[in-house]
Amino acid sequence: EPFLRHVEKDVLIPKRMREKAKERCVEKVEAFNHCCKESGFLMVLKCREQNAALKECLTTYYKDPVFYEECKQEYLQEKAEFEKTGIPTKKRQQKLPTSM
């Protein structure tokens, strides 16, 4: 089991969890965003139901130890790849220019 620094355990992996949870709760995110756009200043009152559904969906993932482990393993794979290549994931995923 690799050692994780405080920032990895408490910041980087939870950030990955939030991003992935939003992807998995995309319908709820879209419903909440749509409601907010339609409601303007009254969104706090009008969008409670959508907000509650979104929170419930996200919280399900945040509390899931299997999901945490999945995100942790992805993080560790990216970290190992970076240590091998010195290239951050974002740069690796960018397409190289075809004409040189």
PDB file of N, CA and C in Angstrom:
ATOM      1  N   GLU A   1       0.860  -1.195   0.000  1.00  0.00           N
ATOM      2  CA  GLU A   1       0.000   0.000   0.000  1.00  0.00           C
ATOM      3  C   GLU A   1       0.895   1.244   0.000  1.00  0.00           C
ATOM      4  N   PRO A   2       0.836   2.042  -1.065  1.00  0.00           N
ATOM      5  CA  PRO A   2       1.678   3.232  -1.136  1.00  0.00           C
ATOM      6  C   PRO A   2       1.263   4.279  -0.106  1.00  0.00           C
ATOM      7  N   PHE A   3       2.247   5.032   0.355  1.00  0.00           N
ATOM      8  CA  PHE A   3       1.989   6.089   1.324  1.00  0.00           C
ATOM      9  C   PHE A   3       1.375   7.282   0.606  1.00  0.00           C
ATOM     10  N   LEU A   4       0.294   7.808   1.160  1.00  0.00           N
ATOM     11  CA  LEU A   4      -0.345   8.993   0.592  1.00  0.00           C
ATOM     12  C   LEU A   4      -0.101  10.182   1.509  1.00  0.00           C
ATOM     13  N   ARG A   5       0.318  11.274   0.906  1.00  0.00           N
ATOM     14  CA  ARG A   5       0.501  12.498   1.687  1.00  0.00           C
ATOM     15  C   ARG A   5      -0.872  13.049   2.074  1.00  0.00           C
ATOM     16  N   HIS A   6      -0.871  13.899   3.085  1.00  0.00           N
ATOM     17  CA  HIS A   6      -2.110  14.526   3.580  1.00  0.00           C
ATOM     18  C   HIS A   6      -2.871  15.190   2.435  1.00  0.00           C
ATOM     19  N   VAL A   7      -2.173  15.955   1.595  1.00  0.00           N
ATOM     20  CA  VAL A   7      -2.831  16.683   0.503  1.00  0.00           C
ATOM     21  C   VAL A   7      -3.449  15.714  -0.513  1.00  0.00           C
ATOM     22  N   GLU A   8      -2.839  14.570  -0.710  1.00  0.00           N
ATOM     23  CA  GLU A   8      -3.395  13.585  -1.635  1.00  0.00           C
ATOM     24  C   GLU A   8      -4.673  12.976  -1.064  1.00  0.00           C
ATOM     25  N   LYS A   9      -4.592  12.572   0.198  1.00  0.00           N
ATOM     26  CA  LYS A   9      -5.719  11.914   0.862  1.00  0.00           C
ATOM     27  C   LYS A   9      -6.907  12.854   1.072  1.00  0.00           C
ATOM     28  N   ASP A  10      -6.613  14.083   1.485  1.00  0.00           N
ATOM     29  CA  ASP A  10      -7.666  15.000   1.912  1.00  0.00           C
ATOM     30  C   ASP A  10      -8.061  16.046   0.873  1.00  0.00           C
ATOM     31  N   VAL A  11      -7.279  16.181  -0.205  1.00  0.00           N
ATOM     32  CA  VAL A  11      -7.593  17.200  -1.209  1.00  0.00           C
ATOM     33  C   VAL A  11      -7.712  16.596  -2.610  1.00  0.00           C
ATOM     34  N   LEU A  12      -6.652  15.960  -3.077  1.00  0.00           N
ATOM     35  CA  LEU A  12      -6.617  15.509  -4.474  1.00  0.00           C
ATOM     36  C   LEU A  12      -7.583  14.362  -4.773  1.00  0.00           C
ATOM     37  N   ILE A  13      -7.625  13.359  -3.916  1.00  0.00           N
ATOM     38  CA  ILE A  13      -8.544  12.237  -4.155  1.00  0.00           C
ATOM     39  C   ILE A  13     -10.001  12.684  -3.979  1.00  0.00           C
ATOM     40  N   PRO A  14     -10.340  13.452  -2.927  1.00  0.00           N
ATOM     41  CA  PRO A  14     -11.715  13.957  -2.830  1.00  0.00           C
ATOM     42  C   PRO A  14     -12.115  14.843  -4.026  1.00  0.00           C
ATOM     43  N   LYS A  15     -11.176  15.603  -4.568  1.00  0.00           N
ATOM     44  CA  LYS A  15     -11.470  16.424  -5.750  1.00  0.00           C
ATOM     45  C   LYS A  15     -11.841  15.516  -6.923  1.00  0.00           C
ATOM     46  N   ARG A  16     -11.085  14.456  -7.110  1.00  0.00           N
ATOM     47  CA  ARG A  16     -11.376  13.484  -8.169  1.00  0.00           C
ATOM     48  C   ARG A  16     -12.751  12.855  -7.926  1.00  0.00           C
ATOM     49  N   MET A  17     -13.056  12.549  -6.663  1.00  0.00           N
ATOM     50  CA  MET A  17     -14.354  11.963  -6.322  1.00  0.00           C
ATOM     51  C   MET A  17     -15.487  12.921  -6.699  1.00  0.00           C
ATOM     52  N   ARG A  18     -15.320  14.208  -6.396  1.00  0.00           N
ATOM     53  CA  ARG A  18     -16.353  15.196  -6.729  1.00  0.00           C
ATOM     54  C   ARG A  18     -16.574  15.255  -8.240  1.00  0.00           C
ATOM     55  N   GLU A  19     -15.481  15.288  -8.994  1.00  0.00           N
ATOM     56  CA  GLU A  19     -15.590  15.370 -10.457  1.00  0.00           C
ATOM     57  C   GLU A  19     -16.299  14.146 -11.026  1.00  0.00           C
ATOM     58  N   LYS A  20     -15.899  12.962 -10.564  1.00  0.00           N
ATOM     59  CA  LYS A  20     -16.504  11.727 -11.074  1.00  0.00           C
ATOM     60  C   LYS A  20     -17.958  11.593 -10.623  1.00  0.00           C
ATOM     61  N   ALA A  21     -18.248  12.016  -9.387  1.00  0.00           N
ATOM     62  CA  ALA A  21     -19.623  11.941  -8.886  1.00  0.00           C
ATOM     63  C   ALA A  21     -20.523  12.848  -9.711  1.00  0.00           C
ATOM     64  N   LYS A  22     -20.033  14.031 -10.088  1.00  0.00           N
ATOM     65  CA  LYS A  22     -20.829  14.939 -10.926  1.00  0.00           C
ATOM     66  C   LYS A  22     -21.124  14.297 -12.273  1.00  0.00           C
ATOM     67  N   GLU A  23     -20.153  13.568 -12.827  1.00  0.00           N
ATOM     68  CA  GLU A  23     -20.366  12.866 -14.095  1.00  0.00           C
ATOM     69  C   GLU A  23     -21.447  11.797 -13.933  1.00  0.00           C
ATOM     70  N   ARG A  24     -21.418  11.100 -12.816  1.00  0.00           N
ATOM     71  CA  ARG A  24     -22.377  10.013 -12.588  1.00  0.00           C
ATOM     72  C   ARG A  24     -23.759  10.531 -12.193  1.00  0.00           C
ATOM     73  N   CYS A  25     -23.828  11.761 -11.707  1.00  0.00           N
ATOM     74  CA  CYS A  25     -25.100  12.371 -11.326  1.00  0.00           C
ATOM     75  C   CYS A  25     -25.508  13.430 -12.353  1.00  0.00           C
ATOM     76  N   VAL A  26     -25.095  13.255 -13.588  1.00  0.00           N
ATOM     77  CA  VAL A  26     -25.253  14.294 -14.609  1.00  0.00           C
ATOM     78  C   VAL A  26     -26.705  14.746 -14.778  1.00  0.00           C
ATOM     79  N   GLU A  27     -27.655  13.836 -14.696  1.00  0.00           N
ATOM     80  CA  GLU A  27     -29.073  14.225 -14.857  1.00  0.00           C
ATOM     81  C   GLU A  27     -29.504  15.183 -13.754  1.00  0.00           C
ATOM     82  N   LYS A  28     -29.075  14.902 -12.537  1.00  0.00           N
ATOM     83  CA  LYS A  28     -29.440  15.745 -11.390  1.00  0.00           C
ATOM     84  C   LYS A  28     -28.736  17.107 -11.484  1.00  0.00           C
ATOM     85  N   VAL A  29     -27.475  17.089 -11.930  1.00  0.00           N
ATOM     86  CA  VAL A  29     -26.727  18.340 -12.113  1.00  0.00           C
ATOM     87  C   VAL A  29     -27.437  19.210 -13.148  1.00  0.00           C
ATOM     88  N   GLU A  30     -27.811  18.599 -14.270  1.00  0.00           N
ATOM     89  CA  GLU A  30     -28.482  19.350 -15.337  1.00  0.00           C
ATOM     90  C   GLU A  30     -29.847  19.881 -14.882  1.00  0.00           C
ATOM     91  N   ALA A  31     -30.582  19.076 -14.145  1.00  0.00           N
ATOM     92  CA  ALA A  31     -31.896  19.521 -13.645  1.00  0.00           C
ATOM     93  C   ALA A  31     -31.737  20.718 -12.711  1.00  0.00           C
ATOM     94  N   PHE A  32     -30.751  20.660 -11.823  1.00  0.00           N
ATOM     95  CA  PHE A  32     -30.510  21.762 -10.891  1.00  0.00           C
ATOM     96  C   PHE A  32     -30.064  23.011 -11.647  1.00  0.00           C
ATOM     97  N   ASN A  33     -29.138  22.855 -12.594  1.00  0.00           N
ATOM     98  CA  ASN A  33     -28.662  23.999 -13.377  1.00  0.00           C
ATOM     99  C   ASN A  33     -29.797  24.640 -14.166  1.00  0.00           C
ATOM    100  N   HIS A  34     -30.641  23.809 -14.769  1.00  0.00           N
ATOM    101  CA  HIS A  34     -31.776  24.313 -15.544  1.00  0.00           C
ATOM    102  C   HIS A  34     -32.724  25.103 -14.644  1.00  0.00           C
ATOM    103  N   CYS A  35     -33.013  24.550 -13.494  1.00  0.00           N
ATOM    104  CA  CYS A  35     -33.907  25.218 -12.541  1.00  0.00           C
ATOM    105  C   CYS A  35     -33.326  26.577 -12.136  1.00  0.00           C
ATOM    106  N   CYS A  36     -32.039  26.617 -11.853  1.00  0.00           N
ATOM    107  CA  CYS A  36     -31.395  27.869 -11.432  1.00  0.00           C
ATOM    108  C   CYS A  36     -31.474  28.921 -12.533  1.00  0.00           C
ATOM    109  N   LYS A  37     -31.229  28.498 -13.768  1.00  0.00           N
ATOM    110  CA  LYS A  37     -31.286  29.446 -14.892  1.00  0.00           C
ATOM    111  C   LYS A  37     -32.701  29.989 -15.079  1.00  0.00           C
ATOM    112  N   GLU A  38     -33.692  29.119 -14.888  1.00  0.00           N
ATOM    113  CA  GLU A  38     -35.090  29.528 -15.070  1.00  0.00           C
ATOM    114  C   GLU A  38     -35.580  30.412 -13.923  1.00  0.00           C
ATOM    115  N   SER A  39     -35.023  30.232 -12.735  1.00  0.00           N
ATOM    116  CA  SER A  39     -35.573  30.869 -11.533  1.00  0.00           C
ATOM    117  C   SER A  39     -34.903  32.176 -11.156  1.00  0.00           C
ATOM    118  N   GLY A  40     -33.720  32.439 -11.661  1.00  0.00           N
ATOM    119  CA  GLY A  40     -33.027  33.686 -11.321  1.00  0.00           C
ATOM    120  C   GLY A  40     -32.806  33.815  -9.823  1.00  0.00           C
ATOM    121  N   PHE A  41     -33.208  34.965  -9.277  1.00  0.00           N
ATOM    122  CA  PHE A  41     -32.967  35.241  -7.857  1.00  0.00           C
ATOM    123  C   PHE A  41     -33.769  34.338  -6.924  1.00  0.00           C
ATOM    124  N   LEU A  42     -34.831  33.747  -7.427  1.00  0.00           N
ATOM    125  CA  LEU A  42     -35.686  32.906  -6.590  1.00  0.00           C
ATOM    126  C   LEU A  42     -35.201  31.451  -6.531  1.00  0.00           C
ATOM    127  N   MET A  43     -34.008  31.181  -7.091  1.00  0.00           N
ATOM    128  CA  MET A  43     -33.539  29.794  -7.166  1.00  0.00           C
ATOM    129  C   MET A  43     -33.458  29.126  -5.792  1.00  0.00           C
ATOM    130  N   VAL A  44     -33.116  29.895  -4.769  1.00  0.00           N
ATOM    131  CA  VAL A  44     -32.999  29.314  -3.430  1.00  0.00           C
ATOM    132  C   VAL A  44     -34.324  28.692  -3.003  1.00  0.00           C
ATOM    133  N   LEU A  45     -35.406  29.359  -3.328  1.00  0.00           N
ATOM    134  CA  LEU A  45     -36.729  28.855  -2.959  1.00  0.00           C
ATOM    135  C   LEU A  45     -37.252  27.817  -3.947  1.00  0.00           C
ATOM    136  N   LYS A  46     -37.094  28.091  -5.226  1.00  0.00           N
ATOM    137  CA  LYS A  46     -37.724  27.262  -6.250  1.00  0.00           C
ATOM    138  C   LYS A  46     -36.989  25.951  -6.540  1.00  0.00           C
ATOM    139  N   CYS A  47     -35.705  25.889  -6.268  1.00  0.00           N
ATOM    140  CA  CYS A  47     -34.916  24.726  -6.691  1.00  0.00           C
ATOM    141  C   CYS A  47     -34.529  23.801  -5.545  1.00  0.00           C
ATOM    142  N   ARG A  48     -35.248  23.900  -4.440  1.00  0.00           N
ATOM    143  CA  ARG A  48     -34.915  23.056  -3.277  1.00  0.00           C
ATOM    144  C   ARG A  48     -34.985  21.568  -3.608  1.00  0.00           C
ATOM    145  N   GLU A  49     -36.005  21.186  -4.343  1.00  0.00           N
ATOM    146  CA  GLU A  49     -36.197  19.772  -4.671  1.00  0.00           C
ATOM    147  C   GLU A  49     -35.033  19.249  -5.531  1.00  0.00           C
ATOM    148  N   GLN A  50     -34.657  20.016  -6.555  1.00  0.00           N
ATOM    149  CA  GLN A  50     -33.554  19.608  -7.421  1.00  0.00           C
ATOM    150  C   GLN A  50     -32.227  19.608  -6.663  1.00  0.00           C
ATOM    151  N   ASN A  51     -32.062  20.590  -5.791  1.00  0.00           N
ATOM    152  CA  ASN A  51     -30.842  20.670  -4.992  1.00  0.00           C
ATOM    153  C   ASN A  51     -30.739  19.470  -4.052  1.00  0.00           C
ATOM    154  N   ALA A  52     -31.840  19.111  -3.422  1.00  0.00           N
ATOM    155  CA  ALA A  52     -31.846  17.967  -2.503  1.00  0.00           C
ATOM    156  C   ALA A  52     -31.528  16.670  -3.259  1.00  0.00           C
ATOM    157  N   ALA A  53     -32.102  16.518  -4.456  1.00  0.00           N
ATOM    158  CA  ALA A  53     -31.843  15.309  -5.249  1.00  0.00           C
ATOM    159  C   ALA A  53     -30.379  15.246  -5.662  1.00  0.00           C
ATOM    160  N   LEU A  54     -29.819  16.384  -6.051  1.00  0.00           N
ATOM    161  CA  LEU A  54     -28.403  16.436  -6.437  1.00  0.00           C
ATOM    162  C   LEU A  54     -27.514  16.103  -5.245  1.00  0.00           C
ATOM    163  N   LYS A  55     -27.784  16.725  -4.104  1.00  0.00           N
ATOM    164  CA  LYS A  55     -26.985  16.454  -2.896  1.00  0.00           C
ATOM    165  C   LYS A  55     -27.037  14.977  -2.523  1.00  0.00           C
ATOM    166  N   GLU A  56     -28.228  14.400  -2.594  1.00  0.00           N
ATOM    167  CA  GLU A  56     -28.384  12.987  -2.240  1.00  0.00           C
ATOM    168  C   GLU A  56     -27.554  12.098  -3.165  1.00  0.00           C
ATOM    169  N   CYS A  57     -27.613  12.392  -4.452  1.00  0.00           N
ATOM    170  CA  CYS A  57     -26.856  11.602  -5.429  1.00  0.00           C
ATOM    171  C   CYS A  57     -25.353  11.718  -5.160  1.00  0.00           C
ATOM    172  N   LEU A  58     -24.865  12.954  -5.005  1.00  0.00           N
ATOM    173  CA  LEU A  58     -23.432  13.174  -4.771  1.00  0.00           C
ATOM    174  C   LEU A  58     -22.983  12.527  -3.460  1.00  0.00           C
ATOM    175  N   THR A  59     -23.777  12.700  -2.403  1.00  0.00           N
ATOM    176  CA  THR A  59     -23.419  12.160  -1.085  1.00  0.00           C
ATOM    177  C   THR A  59     -23.315  10.644  -1.112  1.00  0.00           C
ATOM    178  N   THR A  60     -24.167  10.002  -1.902  1.00  0.00           N
ATOM    179  CA  THR A  60     -24.108   8.547  -2.037  1.00  0.00           C
ATOM    180  C   THR A  60     -22.713   8.121  -2.480  1.00  0.00           C
ATOM    181  N   TYR A  61     -22.168   8.847  -3.450  1.00  0.00           N
ATOM    182  CA  TYR A  61     -20.827   8.523  -3.944  1.00  0.00           C
ATOM    183  C   TYR A  61     -19.744   8.900  -2.935  1.00  0.00           C
ATOM    184  N   TYR A  62     -19.880  10.085  -2.308  1.00  0.00           N
ATOM    185  CA  TYR A  62     -18.860  10.537  -1.357  1.00  0.00           C
ATOM    186  C   TYR A  62     -18.695   9.564  -0.194  1.00  0.00           C
ATOM    187  N   LYS A  63     -19.781   8.910   0.194  1.00  0.00           N
ATOM    188  CA  LYS A  63     -19.742   8.012   1.359  1.00  0.00           C
ATOM    189  C   LYS A  63     -19.415   6.568   0.984  1.00  0.00           C
ATOM    190  N   ASP A  64     -19.289   6.283  -0.299  1.00  0.00           N
ATOM    191  CA  ASP A  64     -19.071   4.917  -0.774  1.00  0.00           C
ATOM    192  C   ASP A  64     -17.584   4.558  -0.736  1.00  0.00           C
ATOM    193  N   PRO A  65     -17.185   3.626   0.150  1.00  0.00           N
ATOM    194  CA  PRO A  65     -15.762   3.269   0.251  1.00  0.00           C
ATOM    195  C   PRO A  65     -15.220   2.629  -1.034  1.00  0.00           C
ATOM    196  N   VAL A  66     -16.060   1.940  -1.781  1.00  0.00           N
ATOM    197  CA  VAL A  66     -15.625   1.328  -3.040  1.00  0.00           C
ATOM    198  C   VAL A  66     -15.308   2.424  -4.054  1.00  0.00           C
ATOM    199  N   PHE A  67     -16.142   3.455  -4.099  1.00  0.00           N
ATOM    200  CA  PHE A  67     -15.923   4.585  -5.004  1.00  0.00           C
ATOM    201  C   PHE A  67     -14.644   5.324  -4.616  1.00  0.00           C
ATOM    202  N   TYR A  68     -14.423   5.513  -3.308  1.00  0.00           N
ATOM    203  CA  TYR A  68     -13.185   6.159  -2.837  1.00  0.00           C
ATOM    204  C   TYR A  68     -11.975   5.363  -3.319  1.00  0.00           C
ATOM    205  N   GLU A  69     -12.034   4.064  -3.149  1.00  0.00           N
ATOM    206  CA  GLU A  69     -10.914   3.198  -3.542  1.00  0.00           C
ATOM    207  C   GLU A  69     -10.673   3.276  -5.043  1.00  0.00           C
ATOM    208  N   GLU A  70     -11.745   3.301  -5.820  1.00  0.00           N
ATOM    209  CA  GLU A  70     -11.641   3.415  -7.281  1.00  0.00           C
ATOM    210  C   GLU A  70     -10.924   4.718  -7.669  1.00  0.00           C
ATOM    211  N   CYS A  71     -11.335   5.818  -7.041  1.00  0.00           N
ATOM    212  CA  CYS A  71     -10.714   7.114  -7.325  1.00  0.00           C
ATOM    213  C   CYS A  71      -9.265   7.154  -6.855  1.00  0.00           C
ATOM    214  N   LYS A  72      -9.006   6.521  -5.728  1.00  0.00           N
ATOM    215  CA  LYS A  72      -7.636   6.470  -5.200  1.00  0.00           C
ATOM    216  C   LYS A  72      -6.727   5.695  -6.153  1.00  0.00           C
ATOM    217  N   GLN A  73      -7.202   4.565  -6.659  1.00  0.00           N
ATOM    218  CA  GLN A  73      -6.400   3.758  -7.588  1.00  0.00           C
ATOM    219  C   GLN A  73      -6.126   4.526  -8.884  1.00  0.00           C
ATOM    220  N   GLU A  74      -7.131   5.233  -9.385  1.00  0.00           N
ATOM    221  CA  GLU A  74      -6.924   6.064 -10.584  1.00  0.00           C
ATOM    222  C   GLU A  74      -5.862   7.120 -10.314  1.00  0.00           C
ATOM    223  N   TYR A  75      -5.962   7.754  -9.153  1.00  0.00           N
ATOM    224  CA  TYR A  75      -4.984   8.777  -8.788  1.00  0.00           C
ATOM    225  C   TYR A  75      -3.581   8.173  -8.732  1.00  0.00           C
ATOM    226  N   LEU A  76      -3.456   7.012  -8.091  1.00  0.00           N
ATOM    227  CA  LEU A  76      -2.138   6.375  -7.953  1.00  0.00           C
ATOM    228  C   LEU A  76      -1.566   5.979  -9.313  1.00  0.00           C
ATOM    229  N   GLN A  77      -2.424   5.529 -10.233  1.00  0.00           N
ATOM    230  CA  GLN A  77      -1.962   5.186 -11.583  1.00  0.00           C
ATOM    231  C   GLN A  77      -1.436   6.422 -12.301  1.00  0.00           C
ATOM    232  N   GLU A  78      -2.165   7.514 -12.196  1.00  0.00           N
ATOM    233  CA  GLU A  78      -1.723   8.763 -12.828  1.00  0.00           C
ATOM    234  C   GLU A  78      -0.425   9.250 -12.221  1.00  0.00           C
ATOM    235  N   LYS A  79      -0.323   9.126 -10.905  1.00  0.00           N
ATOM    236  CA  LYS A  79       0.892   9.564 -10.200  1.00  0.00           C
ATOM    237  C   LYS A  79       2.092   8.733 -10.657  1.00  0.00           C
ATOM    238  N   ALA A  80       1.902   7.425 -10.758  1.00  0.00           N
ATOM    239  CA  ALA A  80       2.989   6.537 -11.196  1.00  0.00           C
ATOM    240  C   ALA A  80       3.398   6.859 -12.633  1.00  0.00           C
ATOM    241  N   GLU A  81       2.415   7.116 -13.485  1.00  0.00           N
ATOM    242  CA  GLU A  81       2.700   7.459 -14.884  1.00  0.00           C
ATOM    243  C   GLU A  81       3.476   8.764 -14.961  1.00  0.00           C
ATOM    244  N   PHE A  82       3.094   9.738 -14.142  1.00  0.00           N
ATOM    245  CA  PHE A  82       3.800  11.015 -14.114  1.00  0.00           C
ATOM    246  C   PHE A  82       5.241  10.823 -13.643  1.00  0.00           C
ATOM    247  N   GLU A  83       5.417   9.974 -12.614  1.00  0.00           N
ATOM    248  CA  GLU A  83       6.769   9.735 -12.102  1.00  0.00           C
ATOM    249  C   GLU A  83       7.653   9.067 -13.150  1.00  0.00           C
ATOM    250  N   LYS A  84       7.032   8.235 -14.020  1.00  0.00           N
ATOM    251  CA  LYS A  84       7.790   7.571 -15.094  1.00  0.00           C
ATOM    252  C   LYS A  84       8.131   8.532 -16.230  1.00  0.00           C
ATOM    253  N   THR A  85       7.134   9.316 -16.646  1.00  0.00           N
ATOM    254  CA  THR A  85       7.294  10.118 -17.860  1.00  0.00           C
ATOM    255  C   THR A  85       7.644  11.575 -17.597  1.00  0.00           C
ATOM    256  N   GLY A  86       7.245  12.096 -16.448  1.00  0.00           N
ATOM    257  CA  GLY A  86       7.438  13.517 -16.164  1.00  0.00           C
ATOM    258  C   GLY A  86       6.408  14.395 -16.863  1.00  0.00           C
ATOM    259  N   ILE A  87       5.435  13.763 -17.528  1.00  0.00           N
ATOM    260  CA  ILE A  87       4.410  14.509 -18.259  1.00  0.00           C
ATOM    261  C   ILE A  87       3.085  14.409 -17.499  1.00  0.00           C
ATOM    262  N   PRO A  88       2.496  15.557 -17.119  1.00  0.00           N
ATOM    263  CA  PRO A  88       1.204  15.510 -16.433  1.00  0.00           C
ATOM    264  C   PRO A  88       0.121  14.916 -17.339  1.00  0.00           C
ATOM    265  N   THR A  89      -0.887  14.325 -16.748  1.00  0.00           N
ATOM    266  CA  THR A  89      -1.966  13.675 -17.493  1.00  0.00           C
ATOM    267  C   THR A  89      -2.608  14.608 -18.501  1.00  0.00           C
ATOM    268  N   LYS A  90      -2.885  15.841 -18.095  1.00  0.00           N
ATOM    269  CA  LYS A  90      -3.555  16.786 -18.988  1.00  0.00           C
ATOM    270  C   LYS A  90      -2.749  16.994 -20.264  1.00  0.00           C
ATOM    271  N   LYS A  91      -1.428  17.088 -20.135  1.00  0.00           N
ATOM    272  CA  LYS A  91      -0.583  17.290 -21.317  1.00  0.00           C
ATOM    273  C   LYS A  91      -0.526  16.026 -22.167  1.00  0.00           C
ATOM    274  N   ARG A  92      -0.539  14.860 -21.510  1.00  0.00           N
ATOM    275  CA  ARG A  92      -0.484  13.589 -22.232  1.00  0.00           C
ATOM    276  C   ARG A  92      -1.738  13.381 -23.065  1.00  0.00           C
ATOM    277  N   GLN A  93      -2.861  13.883 -22.578  1.00  0.00           N
ATOM    278  CA  GLN A  93      -4.138  13.686 -23.253  1.00  0.00           C
ATOM    279  C   GLN A  93      -4.333  14.645 -24.423  1.00  0.00           C
ATOM    280  N   GLN A  94      -3.547  15.727 -24.475  1.00  0.00           N
ATOM    281  CA  GLN A  94      -3.663  16.644 -25.596  1.00  0.00           C
ATOM    282  C   GLN A  94      -3.109  15.983 -26.841  1.00  0.00           C
ATOM    283  N   LYS A  95      -3.767  16.229 -27.955  1.00  0.00           N
ATOM    284  CA  LYS A  95      -3.321  15.617 -29.208  1.00  0.00           C
ATOM    285  C   LYS A  95      -2.097  16.352 -29.739  1.00  0.00           C
ATOM    286  N   LEU A  96      -1.188  15.593 -30.290  1.00  0.00           N
ATOM    287  CA  LEU A  96      -0.010  16.194 -30.900  1.00  0.00           C
ATOM    288  C   LEU A  96      -0.396  16.748 -32.265  1.00  0.00           C
ATOM    289  N   PRO A  97       0.260  17.831 -32.685  1.00  0.00           N
ATOM    290  CA  PRO A  97      -0.051  18.354 -34.011  1.00  0.00           C
ATOM    291  C   PRO A  97       0.319  17.342 -35.084  1.00  0.00           C
ATOM    292  N   THR A  98      -0.529  17.224 -36.101  1.00  0.00           N
ATOM    293  CA  THR A  98      -0.297  16.214 -37.132  1.00  0.00           C
ATOM    294  C   THR A  98       0.699  16.678 -38.186  1.00  0.00           C
ATOM    295  N   SER A  99       0.743  17.974 -38.454  1.00  0.00           N
ATOM    296  CA  SER A  99       1.685  18.459 -39.460  1.00  0.00           C
ATOM    297  C   SER A  99       2.888  19.108 -38.773  1.00  0.00           C
ATOM    298  N   MET A 100       4.047  18.596 -39.111  1.00  0.00           N
ATOM    299  CA  MET A 100       5.259  19.157 -38.475  1.00  0.00           C
ATOM    300  C   MET A 100       6.247  19.571 -39.528  1.00  0.00           C
TER     301      MET A 100
END
